[in-house]
Structure formats: structure tokens, C-alpha cells
């Protein structure tokens, strides 16, 4: 079984549990929900979420997703690693596809490291 990861605010995950599906703002603005692999998530967190203290990491079982999953390169990137592809979920993430939720807190300097999954 394959897993992908998604970083979100704890409050957004709590709201998703009430509604039955998780929807990130990027689904409306870009048409998909950004996800990462375990190898990519630290770089993503430190680029976009540095110092934020209210985050959780969703571990998503790809075979359980009801929405379409595509592996794509970033549209715009100044990252020298932009030849990497990222998992994008084209629709809401159904709650039963999330197999684990882990607190995702930065260290004292605001830097993230991958927690035990």
C-alpha cells in the first residue's frame, strides 16, 4: 500500500472530521490538494509553513482515496529540485483514506523535521 502526506492546520482537520471529507483552499483556487511524499514533506514544510505551531500531518492511504490522484511537477518553481513530481489530489480527501494524523510541530528555531509516522 502506498501513502502520501498532507500538511494542514489542526482546526481544518477537526472541521473535516465533522463534514466527512477534507477540503483544502487549494482545491478551489488550483483544482487540487497539494500532498507530498515522506521524502518531500520537510522541504515543503520549511518552505511554506516555517514557524507555524498549529499543524498536523495527514498520512493518506492512496488506494482508499475516492478522488483522482495525479503525480505532477510543480507549475511554477524556483526550486532546483523542480524535476520532482508531487502527489495532487483532484477532489476532497475522504476521511477513511486518512490512516494516521500526527502532530507536526517545528523545533525552537521554527524548523520542521519528519516525525515518526
Protein backbone atom coordinates (compact mmCIF):
# COMPACT_ATOMS: atom_id res chain seq x y z
CA UNK A 1 0.00 0.00 0.00
CA UNK A 2 1.17 3.48 -0.84
CA UNK A 3 0.91 6.55 1.37
CA UNK A 4 1.20 10.28 0.79
CA UNK A 5 1.25 13.15 3.27
CA UNK A 6 -0.61 16.43 3.59
CA UNK A 7 0.15 19.33 5.96
CA UNK A 8 -2.84 21.17 7.37
CA UNK A 9 -3.97 23.23 10.34
CA UNK A 10 -5.31 21.21 13.25
CA UNK A 11 -8.57 23.20 13.09
CA UNK A 12 -9.07 22.35 9.39
CA UNK A 13 -8.66 18.64 10.15
CA UNK A 14 -11.16 18.87 13.02
CA UNK A 15 -13.67 20.54 10.68
CA UNK A 16 -13.12 17.79 8.10
CA UNK A 17 -13.98 15.11 10.63
CA UNK A 18 -17.37 16.76 11.16
CA UNK A 19 -18.09 17.08 7.43
CA UNK A 20 -16.76 13.65 6.38
CA UNK A 21 -14.16 14.97 3.91
CA UNK A 22 -11.13 17.23 3.97
CA UNK A 23 -11.02 20.16 1.53
CA UNK A 24 -8.00 22.45 1.32
CA UNK A 25 -8.32 26.01 -0.02
CA UNK A 26 -6.14 24.99 -2.98
CA UNK A 27 -8.91 22.73 -4.24
CA UNK A 28 -10.94 25.86 -5.11
CA UNK A 29 -8.02 28.02 -6.22
CA UNK A 30 -5.92 25.44 -8.12
CA UNK A 31 -8.25 22.48 -8.62
CA UNK A 32 -6.33 20.04 -6.41
CA UNK A 33 -4.95 19.44 -2.91
CA UNK A 34 -1.16 19.54 -2.60
CA UNK A 35 0.43 16.48 -1.00
CA UNK A 36 3.96 15.18 -0.56
CA UNK A 37 5.91 12.01 -0.11
CA UNK A 38 7.78 11.38 3.15
CA UNK A 39 10.97 12.44 1.34
CA UNK A 40 9.45 15.75 0.22
CA UNK A 41 7.47 16.89 3.25
CA UNK A 42 10.28 18.51 5.28
CA UNK A 43 11.29 20.75 2.37
CA UNK A 44 7.65 21.69 1.76
CA UNK A 45 7.04 22.42 5.46
CA UNK A 46 10.15 24.54 5.82
CA UNK A 47 9.40 26.46 2.61
CA UNK A 48 5.71 27.21 3.25
CA UNK A 49 4.92 26.64 6.95
CA UNK A 50 8.09 27.67 8.80
CA UNK A 51 7.37 28.52 12.45
CA UNK A 52 3.67 27.60 12.41
CA UNK A 53 2.62 25.74 15.54
CA UNK A 54 -0.93 24.56 14.81
CA UNK A 55 -0.23 21.91 12.18
CA UNK A 56 -0.91 18.22 11.75
CA UNK A 57 0.37 15.81 9.15
CA UNK A 58 -2.21 13.57 7.48
CA UNK A 59 -0.95 10.17 6.35
CA UNK A 60 -3.19 9.20 3.46
CA UNK A 61 -3.62 5.71 2.03
CA UNK A 62 -3.69 6.29 -1.73
CA UNK A 63 -5.70 3.14 -2.52
CA UNK A 64 -8.53 4.41 -0.30
CA UNK A 65 -8.86 7.80 -2.00
CA UNK A 66 -12.14 8.32 -3.81
CA UNK A 67 -10.77 11.40 -5.64
CA UNK A 68 -8.29 11.19 -8.51
CA UNK A 69 -4.59 11.19 -7.59
CA UNK A 70 -2.06 12.53 -10.11
CA UNK A 71 1.72 12.80 -9.83
CA UNK A 72 2.77 16.15 -11.32
CA UNK A 73 5.63 18.62 -11.39
CA UNK A 74 5.11 21.98 -9.67
CA UNK A 75 3.63 24.55 -12.06
CA UNK A 76 5.97 27.34 -11.02
CA UNK A 77 9.10 26.68 -9.06
CA UNK A 78 12.47 28.29 -8.49
CA UNK A 79 13.44 25.12 -6.64
CA UNK A 80 16.46 23.41 -8.24
CA UNK A 81 14.70 20.12 -7.49
CA UNK A 82 11.71 21.06 -9.66
CA UNK A 83 12.14 17.90 -11.71
CA UNK A 84 10.43 16.09 -8.82
CA UNK A 85 6.79 15.18 -9.10
CA UNK A 86 4.33 15.69 -6.26
CA UNK A 87 1.06 13.91 -5.48
CA UNK A 88 -2.00 16.07 -6.19
CA UNK A 89 -5.50 15.00 -5.13
CA UNK A 90 -8.20 16.26 -7.51
CA UNK A 91 -11.14 16.37 -5.11
CA UNK A 92 -11.93 16.19 -1.40
CA UNK A 93 -9.95 13.70 0.66
CA UNK A 94 -12.37 11.20 2.15
CA UNK A 95 -11.84 10.77 5.90
CA UNK A 96 -11.43 6.98 5.71
CA UNK A 97 -8.39 7.43 3.43
CA UNK A 98 -6.55 9.18 6.30
CA UNK A 99 -4.95 6.35 8.22
CA UNK A 100 -3.00 8.45 10.72
CA UNK A 101 -2.82 12.04 11.96
CA UNK A 102 0.43 13.19 13.57
CA UNK A 103 1.19 16.44 15.39
CA UNK A 104 3.58 18.40 13.17
CA UNK A 105 5.40 20.98 15.25
CA UNK A 106 8.59 22.90 14.45
CA UNK A 107 11.58 22.99 16.76
CA UNK A 108 12.54 26.14 18.70
CA UNK A 109 14.09 27.68 15.58
CA UNK A 110 10.87 27.14 13.58
CA UNK A 111 12.29 24.27 11.52
CA UNK A 112 10.33 21.10 10.78
CA UNK A 113 11.66 17.55 10.76
CA UNK A 114 9.73 14.47 9.76
CA UNK A 115 8.04 12.95 12.82
CA UNK A 116 7.58 9.23 13.42
CA UNK A 117 4.86 8.08 11.07
